[in-house]
Amino acid sequence: RTARRRFTPPIVGWPTIGDVRSWGGVRFGRRLGDRRTTYVAIEPAAAFRPIESIGGRNGWYAFDWLWRLRGFIDLLVGGVGMRRGRPHPNRVSVGDALDFWRVARFEPNVRLRLRAEMRLPGRAWLEFEVQPEPGGSRIVQTAIFDPVGLGGLAYWYLVYPLHALVFRRMLAGVARKAIQLSKDR
């Protein structure tokens, strides 16, 4: 069975990382976003390892209980929930289901973009990118939300404080796991 292909817009027009953030993230066009970065003193392939393994039984590196709660709420409103897990614990391919996400784009050791399949008043993506830097790597985590109507805007701004906490800790967890895995090798 082949996966249906859906349009996954490129993340273009994003303000530069040094731009001032406002409460509620960054607005670009009609989309809303939250971008966070961290530096790790390890090579890009090692920094990408925990990203490629995210979700399923491996968890989300922070607040797994909140991710499960979000999945349960999704099931209650007719969504797919978290029950799908992931096809392989350490590898992903475009089209794979990953909890309530779908792999929309994958470039080994560089980028993983997930498209939300949970019930939302809009469309959402979560992207991880690893950029080489002198002496290490920069991990970039970007959440994008394309709200539909007033309900979509209300959803983003009401859950933003929770998203800010979860995304900050998740990025720190990815970095911590990457460093741990690089030492284990």
N, C-alpha and C. Protein backbone atom coordinates (compact mmCIF):
# COMPACT_ATOMS: atom_id res chain seq x y z
N ARG A 1 0.83 -1.17 0.00
CA ARG A 1 0.00 0.00 0.00
C ARG A 1 0.88 1.24 0.00
N THR A 2 0.56 2.20 -0.82
CA THR A 2 1.37 3.41 -0.89
C THR A 2 0.72 4.52 -0.07
N ALA A 3 1.54 5.35 0.49
CA ALA A 3 1.05 6.47 1.29
C ALA A 3 0.54 7.56 0.36
N ARG A 4 -0.58 8.18 0.75
CA ARG A 4 -1.08 9.32 -0.02
C ARG A 4 -0.11 10.47 0.14
N ARG A 5 0.13 11.14 -0.96
CA ARG A 5 1.04 12.29 -0.90
C ARG A 5 0.20 13.54 -0.67
N ARG A 6 0.63 14.32 0.26
CA ARG A 6 -0.02 15.59 0.53
C ARG A 6 1.00 16.69 0.36
N PHE A 7 0.51 17.83 0.00
CA PHE A 7 1.39 18.98 -0.14
C PHE A 7 1.94 19.35 1.23
N THR A 8 3.23 19.46 1.32
CA THR A 8 3.89 19.93 2.54
C THR A 8 4.64 21.18 2.17
N PRO A 9 4.13 22.33 2.61
CA PRO A 9 4.77 23.58 2.22
C PRO A 9 6.16 23.71 2.81
N PRO A 10 7.06 24.32 2.06
CA PRO A 10 8.38 24.58 2.62
C PRO A 10 8.26 25.63 3.71
N ILE A 11 9.19 25.60 4.63
CA ILE A 11 9.19 26.60 5.68
C ILE A 11 10.03 27.76 5.15
N VAL A 12 9.34 28.70 4.51
CA VAL A 12 10.02 29.85 3.91
C VAL A 12 9.51 31.11 4.59
N GLY A 13 10.29 32.14 4.46
CA GLY A 13 9.88 33.42 5.01
C GLY A 13 10.01 33.50 6.51
N TRP A 14 10.71 32.54 7.11
CA TRP A 14 10.87 32.55 8.56
C TRP A 14 11.84 33.67 8.93
N PRO A 15 11.50 34.44 9.95
CA PRO A 15 12.44 35.47 10.40
C PRO A 15 13.75 34.83 10.83
N THR A 16 14.83 35.59 10.79
CA THR A 16 16.11 35.02 11.19
C THR A 16 16.08 34.69 12.68
N ILE A 17 16.96 33.76 13.05
CA ILE A 17 16.97 33.25 14.42
C ILE A 17 17.17 34.37 15.43
N GLY A 18 17.90 35.41 15.08
CA GLY A 18 18.16 36.49 16.01
C GLY A 18 17.01 37.47 16.18
N ASP A 19 15.95 37.34 15.39
CA ASP A 19 14.83 38.27 15.48
C ASP A 19 14.15 38.17 16.84
N VAL A 20 13.56 39.28 17.23
CA VAL A 20 12.86 39.34 18.51
C VAL A 20 11.57 38.54 18.41
N ARG A 21 11.35 37.70 19.41
CA ARG A 21 10.12 36.92 19.47
C ARG A 21 9.09 37.70 20.27
N SER A 22 7.85 37.54 19.89
CA SER A 22 6.78 38.13 20.67
C SER A 22 6.11 37.01 21.44
N TRP A 23 5.27 37.38 22.40
CA TRP A 23 4.55 36.34 23.12
C TRP A 23 3.68 35.61 22.10
N GLY A 24 3.66 34.33 22.17
CA GLY A 24 2.88 33.55 21.22
C GLY A 24 3.70 33.10 20.03
N GLY A 25 5.01 33.30 20.08
CA GLY A 25 5.86 32.83 18.99
C GLY A 25 6.07 33.90 17.94
N VAL A 26 6.30 33.43 16.73
CA VAL A 26 6.59 34.31 15.61
C VAL A 26 5.46 34.19 14.61
N ARG A 27 5.05 35.30 14.05
CA ARG A 27 4.01 35.28 13.03
C ARG A 27 4.67 35.60 11.70
N PHE A 28 4.41 34.76 10.70
CA PHE A 28 4.91 35.04 9.35
C PHE A 28 3.81 34.67 8.39
N GLY A 29 3.34 35.69 7.65
CA GLY A 29 2.16 35.48 6.83
C GLY A 29 0.99 35.19 7.76
N ARG A 30 0.19 34.19 7.39
CA ARG A 30 -0.91 33.80 8.29
C ARG A 30 -0.51 32.67 9.21
N ARG A 31 0.70 32.21 9.09
CA ARG A 31 1.17 31.11 9.94
C ARG A 31 1.78 31.64 11.24
N LEU A 32 1.75 30.74 12.23
CA LEU A 32 2.34 31.04 13.53
C LEU A 32 3.40 29.99 13.80
N GLY A 33 4.44 30.38 14.51
CA GLY A 33 5.50 29.40 14.72
C GLY A 33 6.27 29.61 16.00
N ASP A 34 6.99 28.58 16.33
CA ASP A 34 7.87 28.59 17.49
C ASP A 34 9.15 27.91 17.06
N ARG A 35 10.25 28.64 17.09
CA ARG A 35 11.54 28.08 16.67
C ARG A 35 12.52 28.20 17.81
N ARG A 36 13.21 27.10 18.07
CA ARG A 36 14.20 27.06 19.14
C ARG A 36 15.44 26.38 18.60
N THR A 37 16.60 26.79 19.10
CA THR A 37 17.85 26.18 18.66
C THR A 37 18.74 25.91 19.86
N THR A 38 19.62 24.96 19.68
CA THR A 38 20.64 24.69 20.69
C THR A 38 21.88 24.17 19.99
N TYR A 39 23.02 24.42 20.59
CA TYR A 39 24.29 23.96 20.04
C TYR A 39 24.75 22.75 20.83
N VAL A 40 25.28 21.74 20.12
CA VAL A 40 25.89 20.58 20.76
C VAL A 40 27.26 20.37 20.13
N ALA A 41 28.22 20.01 20.95
CA ALA A 41 29.60 19.84 20.47
C ALA A 41 29.83 18.42 19.98
N ILE A 42 28.97 17.99 19.05
CA ILE A 42 29.09 16.67 18.42
C ILE A 42 28.78 16.82 16.93
N GLU A 43 29.20 15.85 16.15
CA GLU A 43 29.00 15.91 14.70
C GLU A 43 27.51 15.82 14.35
N PRO A 44 27.11 16.35 13.19
CA PRO A 44 25.70 16.36 12.80
C PRO A 44 25.03 14.98 12.81
N ALA A 45 25.71 13.95 12.32
CA ALA A 45 25.10 12.62 12.30
C ALA A 45 24.75 12.16 13.71
N ALA A 46 25.61 12.44 14.68
CA ALA A 46 25.34 12.06 16.07
C ALA A 46 24.22 12.91 16.65
N ALA A 47 24.18 14.19 16.29
CA ALA A 47 23.12 15.07 16.78
C ALA A 47 21.76 14.67 16.24
N PHE A 48 21.75 14.05 15.05
CA PHE A 48 20.48 13.69 14.41
C PHE A 48 19.92 12.36 14.93
N ARG A 49 20.76 11.52 15.52
CA ARG A 49 20.32 10.19 15.95
C ARG A 49 19.05 10.19 16.79
N PRO A 50 18.95 11.00 17.85
CA PRO A 50 17.71 10.96 18.65
C PRO A 50 16.51 11.55 17.91
N ILE A 51 16.75 12.41 16.95
CA ILE A 51 15.66 12.98 16.16
C ILE A 51 15.03 11.89 15.31
N GLU A 52 15.86 11.09 14.67
CA GLU A 52 15.34 10.01 13.82
C GLU A 52 14.60 8.95 14.64
N SER A 53 14.87 8.89 15.93
CA SER A 53 14.26 7.88 16.80
C SER A 53 13.09 8.42 17.62
N ILE A 54 12.72 9.67 17.44
CA ILE A 54 11.71 10.31 18.29
C ILE A 54 10.34 9.65 18.15
N GLY A 55 9.59 9.65 19.22
CA GLY A 55 8.22 9.14 19.21
C GLY A 55 8.13 7.64 19.44
N GLY A 56 6.91 7.13 19.38
CA GLY A 56 6.69 5.71 19.64
C GLY A 56 7.15 5.35 21.05
N ARG A 57 7.73 4.18 21.20
CA ARG A 57 8.22 3.74 22.52
C ARG A 57 9.42 4.55 23.00
N ASN A 58 10.10 5.22 22.08
CA ASN A 58 11.26 6.05 22.46
C ASN A 58 10.84 7.34 23.16
N GLY A 59 9.61 7.74 22.98
CA GLY A 59 9.11 8.96 23.61
C GLY A 59 9.54 10.22 22.87
N TRP A 60 9.22 11.33 23.51
CA TRP A 60 9.43 12.65 22.91
C TRP A 60 10.46 13.47 23.68
N TYR A 61 11.22 12.84 24.55
CA TYR A 61 12.34 13.43 25.29
C TYR A 61 11.93 14.47 26.33
N ALA A 62 10.64 14.70 26.50
CA ALA A 62 10.15 15.58 27.56
C ALA A 62 8.63 15.44 27.64
N PHE A 63 8.14 15.40 28.84
CA PHE A 63 6.69 15.41 29.08
C PHE A 63 5.94 14.34 28.28
N ASP A 64 6.44 13.13 28.28
CA ASP A 64 5.76 12.06 27.54
C ASP A 64 4.32 11.89 28.00
N TRP A 65 4.05 12.12 29.27
CA TRP A 65 2.68 11.99 29.77
C TRP A 65 1.76 13.02 29.12
N LEU A 66 2.27 14.22 28.82
CA LEU A 66 1.46 15.23 28.13
C LEU A 66 1.20 14.83 26.68
N TRP A 67 2.20 14.23 26.03
CA TRP A 67 1.99 13.75 24.66
C TRP A 67 0.92 12.66 24.66
N ARG A 68 0.96 11.75 25.66
CA ARG A 68 -0.06 10.70 25.74
C ARG A 68 -1.44 11.30 26.02
N LEU A 69 -1.49 12.31 26.89
CA LEU A 69 -2.76 12.98 27.17
C LEU A 69 -3.31 13.63 25.90
N ARG A 70 -2.44 14.29 25.14
CA ARG A 70 -2.88 14.91 23.87
C ARG A 70 -3.41 13.84 22.92
N GLY A 71 -2.75 12.68 22.89
CA GLY A 71 -3.23 11.58 22.06
C GLY A 71 -4.58 11.07 22.51
N PHE A 72 -4.79 10.98 23.82
CA PHE A 72 -6.08 10.53 24.36
C PHE A 72 -7.18 11.51 23.99
N ILE A 73 -6.91 12.80 24.15
CA ILE A 73 -7.89 13.83 23.77
C ILE A 73 -8.20 13.73 22.29
N ASP A 74 -7.17 13.48 21.48
CA ASP A 74 -7.38 13.33 20.04
C ASP A 74 -8.31 12.16 19.74
N LEU A 75 -8.12 11.05 20.44
CA LEU A 75 -9.02 9.90 20.26
C LEU A 75 -10.45 10.26 20.62
N LEU A 76 -10.64 11.00 21.71
CA LEU A 76 -11.98 11.38 22.15
C LEU A 76 -12.72 12.22 21.11
N VAL A 77 -11.98 13.01 20.34
CA VAL A 77 -12.62 13.86 19.33
C VAL A 77 -12.57 13.25 17.93
N GLY A 78 -12.26 11.94 17.87
CA GLY A 78 -12.31 11.23 16.59
C GLY A 78 -11.01 11.20 15.81
N GLY A 79 -9.91 11.58 16.43
CA GLY A 79 -8.62 11.56 15.75
C GLY A 79 -7.92 10.23 15.89
N VAL A 80 -6.69 10.16 15.41
CA VAL A 80 -5.93 8.91 15.40
C VAL A 80 -5.27 8.61 16.74
N GLY A 81 -5.06 9.61 17.58
CA GLY A 81 -4.42 9.39 18.87
C GLY A 81 -2.98 8.93 18.73
N MET A 82 -2.43 8.43 19.82
CA MET A 82 -1.02 8.01 19.85
C MET A 82 -0.85 6.52 19.61
N ARG A 83 -1.91 5.80 19.40
CA ARG A 83 -1.83 4.33 19.37
C ARG A 83 -1.04 3.77 18.20
N ARG A 84 -0.73 4.57 17.20
CA ARG A 84 -0.04 4.04 16.02
C ARG A 84 1.44 3.79 16.24
N GLY A 85 2.05 4.49 17.18
CA GLY A 85 3.48 4.30 17.42
C GLY A 85 4.29 4.68 16.19
N ARG A 86 5.26 3.82 15.86
CA ARG A 86 6.09 4.04 14.68
C ARG A 86 6.50 2.69 14.12
N PRO A 87 6.72 2.57 12.80
CA PRO A 87 7.02 1.27 12.19
C PRO A 87 8.35 0.67 12.62
N HIS A 88 9.35 1.50 12.88
CA HIS A 88 10.67 1.01 13.26
C HIS A 88 11.20 1.92 14.37
N PRO A 89 11.85 1.37 15.40
CA PRO A 89 12.25 2.21 16.53
C PRO A 89 13.33 3.26 16.22
N ASN A 90 14.15 3.04 15.20
CA ASN A 90 15.27 3.95 14.96
C ASN A 90 15.39 4.49 13.55
N ARG A 91 14.46 4.17 12.68
CA ARG A 91 14.51 4.65 11.29
C ARG A 91 13.15 5.22 10.90
N VAL A 92 13.18 6.20 10.02
CA VAL A 92 11.94 6.75 9.48
C VAL A 92 12.06 6.88 7.97
N SER A 93 10.91 6.91 7.32
CA SER A 93 10.82 7.15 5.88
C SER A 93 9.65 8.08 5.63
N VAL A 94 9.70 8.83 4.55
CA VAL A 94 8.58 9.69 4.19
C VAL A 94 7.33 8.83 4.06
N GLY A 95 6.25 9.29 4.67
CA GLY A 95 4.98 8.57 4.65
C GLY A 95 4.72 7.74 5.89
N ASP A 96 5.75 7.48 6.71
CA ASP A 96 5.56 6.70 7.94
C ASP A 96 4.65 7.44 8.91
N ALA A 97 3.79 6.67 9.59
CA ALA A 97 3.03 7.21 10.71
C ALA A 97 3.96 7.22 11.91
N LEU A 98 3.86 8.27 12.71
CA LEU A 98 4.69 8.40 13.90
C LEU A 98 3.79 9.01 14.98
N ASP A 99 3.18 8.14 15.79
CA ASP A 99 2.17 8.56 16.76
C ASP A 99 1.06 9.31 16.02
N PHE A 100 0.78 10.56 16.36
CA PHE A 100 -0.28 11.28 15.61
C PHE A 100 0.31 12.23 14.58
N TRP A 101 1.51 11.90 14.12
CA TRP A 101 2.18 12.65 13.07
C TRP A 101 2.41 11.74 11.87
N ARG A 102 2.76 12.32 10.74
CA ARG A 102 3.15 11.59 9.54
C ARG A 102 4.46 12.22 9.06
N VAL A 103 5.42 11.39 8.67
CA VAL A 103 6.70 11.91 8.18
C VAL A 103 6.45 12.55 6.81
N ALA A 104 6.62 13.85 6.74
CA ALA A 104 6.37 14.60 5.50
C ALA A 104 7.65 14.81 4.70
N ARG A 105 8.77 14.91 5.40
CA ARG A 105 10.04 15.11 4.72
C ARG A 105 11.14 14.52 5.59
N PHE A 106 12.08 13.86 4.94
CA PHE A 106 13.18 13.27 5.67
C PHE A 106 14.44 13.35 4.83
N GLU A 107 15.46 13.96 5.39
CA GLU A 107 16.79 14.00 4.79
C GLU A 107 17.73 13.46 5.85
N PRO A 108 18.31 12.28 5.64
CA PRO A 108 19.15 11.66 6.68
C PRO A 108 20.20 12.63 7.23
N ASN A 109 20.28 12.66 8.53
CA ASN A 109 21.25 13.47 9.28
C ASN A 109 21.08 14.98 9.10
N VAL A 110 19.98 15.40 8.47
CA VAL A 110 19.77 16.83 8.23
C VAL A 110 18.41 17.31 8.72
N ARG A 111 17.32 16.65 8.28
CA ARG A 111 15.98 17.19 8.53
C ARG A 111 14.94 16.09 8.69
N LEU A 112 14.03 16.31 9.64
CA LEU A 112 12.84 15.49 9.80
C LEU A 112 11.67 16.44 9.98
N ARG A 113 10.72 16.41 9.04
CA ARG A 113 9.52 17.23 9.16
C ARG A 113 8.32 16.31 9.33
N LEU A 114 7.56 16.58 10.37
CA LEU A 114 6.36 15.81 10.68
C LEU A 114 5.13 16.67 10.43
N ARG A 115 4.11 16.08 9.82
CA ARG A 115 2.83 16.75 9.60
C ARG A 115 1.82 16.18 10.58
N ALA A 116 1.13 17.03 11.30
CA ALA A 116 0.16 16.58 12.30
C ALA A 116 -1.05 15.94 11.64
N GLU A 117 -1.46 14.79 12.19
CA GLU A 117 -2.69 14.14 11.75
C GLU A 117 -3.72 14.13 12.87
N MET A 118 -3.40 14.80 13.97
CA MET A 118 -4.36 14.93 15.07
C MET A 118 -5.42 15.94 14.68
N ARG A 119 -6.53 15.91 15.40
CA ARG A 119 -7.59 16.88 15.14
C ARG A 119 -7.15 18.25 15.66
N LEU A 120 -7.16 19.21 14.77
CA LEU A 120 -6.73 20.57 15.09
C LEU A 120 -7.57 21.57 14.29
N PRO A 121 -7.73 22.78 14.79
CA PRO A 121 -8.38 23.82 14.00
C PRO A 121 -7.36 24.51 13.08
N GLY A 122 -6.73 23.70 12.25
CA GLY A 122 -5.71 24.19 11.33
C GLY A 122 -4.77 23.06 10.96
N ARG A 123 -3.65 23.40 10.34
CA ARG A 123 -2.64 22.41 9.97
C ARG A 123 -1.38 22.71 10.76
N ALA A 124 -0.63 21.64 11.10
CA ALA A 124 0.57 21.83 11.91
C ALA A 124 1.70 20.94 11.44
N TRP A 125 2.93 21.45 11.63
CA TRP A 125 4.14 20.70 11.31
C TRP A 125 5.11 20.87 12.46
N LEU A 126 5.94 19.87 12.66
CA LEU A 126 7.03 19.94 13.63
C LEU A 126 8.27 19.50 12.88
N GLU A 127 9.27 20.36 12.84
CA GLU A 127 10.47 20.05 12.07
C GLU A 127 11.71 20.15 12.95
N PHE A 128 12.61 19.20 12.72
CA PHE A 128 13.92 19.20 13.35
C PHE A 128 14.95 19.27 12.23
N GLU A 129 15.94 20.12 12.41
CA GLU A 129 17.01 20.25 11.43
C GLU A 129 18.33 20.31 12.18
N VAL A 130 19.35 19.68 11.63
CA VAL A 130 20.68 19.73 12.21
C VAL A 130 21.60 20.43 11.22
N GLN A 131 22.23 21.50 11.67
CA GLN A 131 23.13 22.29 10.84
C GLN A 131 24.55 22.15 11.37
N PRO A 132 25.51 21.86 10.48
CA PRO A 132 26.90 21.79 10.94
C PRO A 132 27.40 23.16 11.36
N GLU A 133 28.16 23.19 12.43
CA GLU A 133 28.80 24.42 12.90
C GLU A 133 30.22 24.07 13.32
N PRO A 134 31.09 25.06 13.41
CA PRO A 134 32.46 24.77 13.84
C PRO A 134 32.48 24.05 15.19
N GLY A 135 33.09 22.88 15.21
CA GLY A 135 33.21 22.12 16.44
C GLY A 135 31.97 21.40 16.90
N GLY A 136 30.92 21.39 16.08
CA GLY A 136 29.70 20.72 16.51
C GLY A 136 28.54 20.91 15.56
N SER A 137 27.35 21.03 16.14
CA SER A 137 26.12 21.10 15.35
C SER A 137 25.11 22.00 16.05
N ARG A 138 24.25 22.59 15.26
CA ARG A 138 23.11 23.34 15.79
C ARG A 138 21.85 22.53 15.49
N ILE A 139 21.08 22.25 16.54
CA ILE A 139 19.79 21.57 16.37
C ILE A 139 18.72 22.65 16.37
N VAL A 140 17.91 22.65 15.31
CA VAL A 140 16.84 23.64 15.16
C VAL A 140 15.52 22.89 15.22
N GLN A 141 14.65 23.32 16.10
CA GLN A 141 13.32 22.71 16.25
C GLN A 141 12.29 23.79 15.92
N THR A 142 11.42 23.51 14.95
CA THR A 142 10.45 24.50 14.50
C THR A 142 9.06 23.90 14.52
N ALA A 143 8.14 24.56 15.21
CA ALA A 143 6.73 24.18 15.19
C ALA A 143 6.00 25.25 14.37
N ILE A 144 5.20 24.81 13.41
CA ILE A 144 4.46 25.71 12.53
C ILE A 144 2.98 25.37 12.66
N PHE A 145 2.15 26.40 12.77
CA PHE A 145 0.71 26.19 12.81
C PHE A 145 0.06 27.14 11.83
N ASP A 146 -0.78 26.59 10.96
CA ASP A 146 -1.53 27.36 9.97
C ASP A 146 -2.99 27.33 10.43
N PRO A 147 -3.40 28.34 11.22
CA PRO A 147 -4.73 28.29 11.83
C PRO A 147 -5.85 28.47 10.83
N VAL A 148 -6.99 27.86 11.15
CA VAL A 148 -8.20 28.06 10.37
C VAL A 148 -9.16 28.87 11.23
N GLY A 149 -9.42 30.07 10.80
CA GLY A 149 -10.38 30.92 11.49
C GLY A 149 -9.99 31.34 12.89
N LEU A 150 -10.96 31.92 13.56
CA LEU A 150 -10.77 32.40 14.92
C LEU A 150 -10.48 31.25 15.88
N GLY A 151 -11.11 30.09 15.64
CA GLY A 151 -10.86 28.92 16.49
C GLY A 151 -9.40 28.49 16.43
N GLY A 152 -8.81 28.56 15.26
CA GLY A 152 -7.41 28.20 15.12
C GLY A 152 -6.49 29.16 15.85
N LEU A 153 -6.77 30.45 15.73
CA LEU A 153 -5.97 31.45 16.45
C LEU A 153 -6.12 31.27 17.96
N ALA A 154 -7.36 31.06 18.41
CA ALA A 154 -7.60 30.86 19.84
C ALA A 154 -6.85 29.63 20.34
N TYR A 155 -6.89 28.55 19.57
CA TYR A 155 -6.18 27.33 19.96
C TYR A 155 -4.70 27.62 20.15
N TRP A 156 -4.06 28.25 19.17
CA TRP A 156 -2.61 28.51 19.24
C TRP A 156 -2.27 29.34 20.49
N TYR A 157 -2.98 30.44 20.69
CA TYR A 157 -2.62 31.32 21.79
C TYR A 157 -2.99 30.74 23.16
N LEU A 158 -4.03 29.93 23.23
CA LEU A 158 -4.39 29.30 24.51
C LEU A 158 -3.40 28.22 24.92
N VAL A 159 -2.91 27.45 23.96
CA VAL A 159 -1.98 26.37 24.31
C VAL A 159 -0.51 26.80 24.19
N TYR A 160 -0.26 28.04 23.74
CA TYR A 160 1.12 28.46 23.57
C TYR A 160 1.97 28.35 24.84
N PRO A 161 1.49 28.75 26.01
CA PRO A 161 2.34 28.61 27.20
C PRO A 161 2.76 27.15 27.43
N LEU A 162 1.86 26.22 27.20
CA LEU A 162 2.18 24.81 27.35
C LEU A 162 3.15 24.36 26.25
N HIS A 163 2.87 24.77 25.02
CA HIS A 163 3.78 24.44 23.91
C HIS A 163 5.18 24.98 24.18
N ALA A 164 5.27 26.21 24.66
CA ALA A 164 6.58 26.82 24.92
C ALA A 164 7.37 25.98 25.91
N LEU A 165 6.71 25.53 26.97
CA LEU A 165 7.38 24.69 27.97
C LEU A 165 7.79 23.35 27.38
N VAL A 166 6.85 22.69 26.70
CA VAL A 166 7.12 21.37 26.12
C VAL A 166 8.21 21.45 25.06
N PHE A 167 8.13 22.41 24.15
CA PHE A 167 9.12 22.50 23.08
C PHE A 167 10.51 22.83 23.62
N ARG A 168 10.58 23.70 24.63
CA ARG A 168 11.88 24.04 25.22
C ARG A 168 12.52 22.79 25.85
N ARG A 169 11.74 22.06 26.63
CA ARG A 169 12.28 20.87 27.29
C ARG A 169 12.55 19.75 26.28
N MET A 170 11.73 19.65 25.25
CA MET A 170 11.94 18.61 24.24
C MET A 170 13.26 18.85 23.52
N LEU A 171 13.54 20.08 23.13
CA LEU A 171 14.81 20.37 22.46
C LEU A 171 15.99 20.06 23.39
N ALA A 172 15.87 20.44 24.65
CA ALA A 172 16.94 20.13 25.61
C ALA A 172 17.10 18.62 25.75
N GLY A 173 15.99 17.88 25.74
CA GLY A 173 16.05 16.42 25.83
C GLY A 173 16.70 15.79 24.61
N VAL A 174 16.40 16.32 23.42
CA VAL A 174 17.04 15.83 22.20
C VAL A 174 18.55 16.04 22.29
N ALA A 175 18.96 17.23 22.71
CA ALA A 175 20.39 17.54 22.83
C ALA A 175 21.06 16.62 23.85
N ARG A 176 20.42 16.45 24.99
CA ARG A 176 20.97 15.58 26.05
C ARG A 176 21.13 14.14 25.54
N LYS A 177 20.10 13.64 24.85
CA LYS A 177 20.15 12.27 24.32
C LYS A 177 21.23 12.15 23.25
N ALA A 178 21.38 13.15 22.40
CA ALA A 178 22.41 13.12 21.35
C ALA A 178 23.79 13.03 21.98
N ILE A 179 24.03 13.82 23.00
CA ILE A 179 25.33 13.80 23.68
C ILE A 179 25.56 12.45 24.34
N GLN A 180 24.53 11.93 25.00
CA GLN A 180 24.63 10.62 25.66
C GLN A 180 24.94 9.52 24.64
N LEU A 181 24.21 9.52 23.52
CA LEU A 181 24.44 8.49 22.49
C LEU A 181 25.83 8.61 21.89
N SER A 182 26.34 9.84 21.74
CA SER A 182 27.68 10.00 21.16
C SER A 182 28.75 9.48 22.11
N LYS A 183 28.52 9.55 23.41
CA LYS A 183 29.48 9.04 24.39
C LYS A 183 29.43 7.51 24.48
N ASP A 184 28.24 6.94 24.20
CA ASP A 184 28.07 5.49 24.28
C ASP A 184 28.75 4.76 23.13
N ARG A 185 29.09 5.47 22.09
CA ARG A 185 29.67 4.82 20.90
C ARG A 185 31.15 4.70 21.00
